[in-house]
Structure formats: structure tokens, C-alpha cells
Amino acid sequence: CDLNRCLLSEGCIISGHRILHSIIGIRAIVGEGSVMEHSVLMGADFYEHENPKKGVPRIGVGRDCYIKNAIIDKNARIGDGAYITPDGKADNTETPLYTVKDGIVVIPKSAIIPAGTRI
């Protein structure tokens, strides 16, 4: 994993491809092949020891995700192949899955972003 100017908290499991100018919180998981740029991943309150229900991603960031200019709150579940960036979105956009404020995508606590979602 290419870590460039990042802050990593204890207990992280990082398998990602590149993490650039980001903060990764306690017990955070970043899956293989994922890229995070200029983002904050709050982490998790606990490690998940059992697989979630079918179709529900595990806590953390899945495999092959692209995340740029985002704040992801605690215990969020980002599915494999998700693409999250504020590019092309109007400021003050609010949806059940995310909010865009000042050019930053905010994913709320315990949100579930299905695999392949493009935000």
C-alpha cells in the first residue's frame, strides 16, 4: 500500500492500493485495491467477527473502492467497487446515503453503501 502523508490510528487493517493525505481512524479497514484521497475514515467501534447478512458489506471500506474528498463516519459499510467523490454534485445536496457540504461528501454513522454504488 502506498501511504503518502497519512495519519493512521491503532488497530487499522490496511490492504488498500493508495492512501493519500487522509486520516484513518481506530479499527478502520480499507480493502485491497482501494484508493482514498483527501478523506477521513472515522473507523469502527468494534471488529466484526461474523459475516453480516447476505448483500450487506462488512464494516469499513471494501475492495477496489475510490474515495476522494469524503468524511466517512464510524461503523459505515462501504461495499466493494464503490466510487465516492463530490465531483459533479451540487453543494448542500442531501440524500439518505450521503450529504455534500463545501465540496466534501459526508457518509453518516452506520450507513450502508452497497457494492458498486457511485456517489
Protein backbone atom coordinates (compact mmCIF):
# COMPACT_ATOMS: atom_id res chain seq x y z
CA CYS A 1 0.00 0.00 0.00
CA ASP A 2 1.30 3.45 -0.91
CA LEU A 3 0.83 5.63 2.17
CA ASN A 4 1.63 9.27 1.49
CA ARG A 5 1.20 11.88 4.23
CA CYS A 6 -1.40 9.96 6.19
CA LEU A 7 -2.34 9.59 9.81
CA LEU A 8 -3.23 6.03 10.83
CA SER A 9 -4.81 5.12 14.16
CA GLU A 10 -4.13 1.95 16.06
CA GLY A 11 -5.83 -1.27 15.10
CA CYS A 12 -6.26 -0.41 11.40
CA ILE A 13 -6.23 -3.14 8.78
CA ILE A 14 -4.99 -1.52 5.59
CA SER A 15 -4.75 -3.50 2.36
CA GLY A 16 -5.57 -0.61 0.02
CA HIS A 17 -3.66 0.42 -3.08
CA ARG A 18 -3.09 4.08 -2.14
CA ILE A 19 -3.97 6.36 0.75
CA LEU A 20 -3.06 10.00 0.15
CA HIS A 21 -3.47 12.94 2.56
CA SER A 22 -6.05 11.08 4.65
CA ILE A 23 -6.81 10.24 8.27
CA ILE A 24 -7.74 6.66 9.10
CA GLY A 25 -9.45 6.12 12.46
CA ILE A 26 -9.31 3.37 15.06
CA ARG A 27 -10.11 -0.19 13.92
CA ALA A 28 -10.71 1.04 10.34
CA ILE A 29 -10.50 -1.46 7.50
CA VAL A 30 -9.52 -0.50 3.94
CA GLY A 31 -9.85 -3.33 1.42
CA GLU A 32 -7.39 -4.48 -1.21
CA GLY A 33 -7.05 -2.23 -4.25
CA SER A 34 -8.92 0.72 -2.71
CA VAL A 35 -7.80 4.33 -3.08
CA MET A 36 -8.50 7.09 -0.54
CA GLU A 37 -7.51 10.68 -1.24
CA HIS A 38 -8.04 13.75 0.96
CA SER A 39 -10.50 11.90 3.18
CA VAL A 40 -11.28 10.97 6.78
CA LEU A 41 -12.39 7.45 7.70
CA MET A 42 -13.56 7.53 11.32
CA GLY A 43 -13.15 3.78 11.88
CA ALA A 44 -15.28 1.44 13.94
CA ASP A 45 -16.45 0.88 17.50
CA PHE A 46 -15.71 -2.85 17.20
CA TYR A 47 -14.21 -5.52 14.96
CA GLU A 48 -16.79 -7.55 13.10
CA HIS A 49 -16.23 -11.25 13.84
CA GLU A 50 -19.20 -12.68 11.95
CA ASN A 51 -20.23 -12.10 8.36
CA PRO A 52 -23.16 -9.68 8.02
CA LYS A 53 -26.43 -10.64 6.31
CA LYS A 54 -26.21 -11.52 2.63
CA GLY A 55 -25.80 -8.40 0.48
CA VAL A 56 -24.62 -6.22 3.39
CA PRO A 57 -20.95 -5.15 3.19
CA ARG A 58 -18.61 -5.62 6.14
CA ILE A 59 -17.76 -2.60 8.31
CA GLY A 60 -15.12 -0.41 6.65
CA VAL A 61 -14.15 0.17 3.03
CA GLY A 62 -14.39 -2.81 0.70
CA ARG A 63 -12.12 -3.87 -2.17
CA ASP A 64 -11.42 -1.72 -5.24
CA CYS A 65 -13.16 1.42 -3.96
CA TYR A 66 -12.28 5.00 -4.91
CA ILE A 67 -12.93 7.65 -2.25
CA LYS A 68 -11.95 11.31 -2.64
CA ASN A 69 -12.81 14.38 -0.53
CA ALA A 70 -15.02 12.45 1.87
CA ILE A 71 -15.72 12.06 5.57
CA ILE A 72 -16.96 8.58 6.45
CA ASP A 73 -18.40 8.34 9.95
CA LYS A 74 -17.96 5.39 12.33
CA ASN A 75 -19.25 1.90 11.56
CA ALA A 76 -20.09 2.77 7.93
CA ARG A 77 -20.13 -0.11 5.45
CA ILE A 78 -18.76 0.73 2.00
CA GLY A 79 -19.27 -2.14 -0.47
CA ASP A 80 -16.70 -3.41 -3.00
CA GLY A 81 -16.19 -1.18 -6.04
CA ALA A 82 -17.90 1.89 -4.57
CA TYR A 83 -16.96 5.26 -6.09
CA ILE A 84 -17.38 8.26 -3.78
CA THR A 85 -16.44 11.81 -4.81
CA PRO A 86 -18.17 15.23 -4.69
CA ASP A 87 -17.27 15.91 -8.34
CA GLY A 88 -20.32 17.00 -10.32
CA LYS A 89 -22.59 17.29 -7.28
CA ALA A 90 -24.23 20.49 -6.13
CA ASP A 91 -23.25 21.83 -2.72
CA ASN A 92 -25.80 21.24 0.07
CA THR A 93 -27.08 18.06 -1.60
CA GLU A 94 -28.76 15.78 0.96
CA THR A 95 -29.83 12.17 0.40
CA PRO A 96 -30.42 9.26 2.80
CA LEU A 97 -26.98 7.84 1.89
CA TYR A 98 -24.85 10.99 1.88
CA THR A 99 -24.63 14.77 2.13
CA VAL A 100 -22.39 17.16 0.18
CA LYS A 101 -21.18 20.24 2.10
CA ASP A 102 -18.43 22.61 0.97
CA GLY A 103 -17.17 20.14 -1.64
CA ILE A 104 -16.97 17.20 0.78
CA VAL A 105 -19.11 14.05 0.71
CA VAL A 106 -20.25 13.06 4.21
CA ILE A 107 -21.33 9.46 4.80
CA PRO A 108 -23.29 9.22 8.10
CA LYS A 109 -22.64 6.87 11.01
CA SER A 110 -23.56 3.22 10.36
CA ALA A 111 -24.52 3.94 6.73
CA ILE A 112 -24.62 1.06 4.26
CA ILE A 113 -23.29 1.87 0.78
CA PRO A 114 -23.96 -1.17 -1.45
CA ALA A 115 -21.25 -2.67 -3.67
CA GLY A 116 -20.80 -0.81 -6.96
CA THR A 117 -22.54 2.39 -5.77
CA ARG A 118 -21.42 5.61 -7.49
CA ILE A 119 -21.75 8.76 -5.41
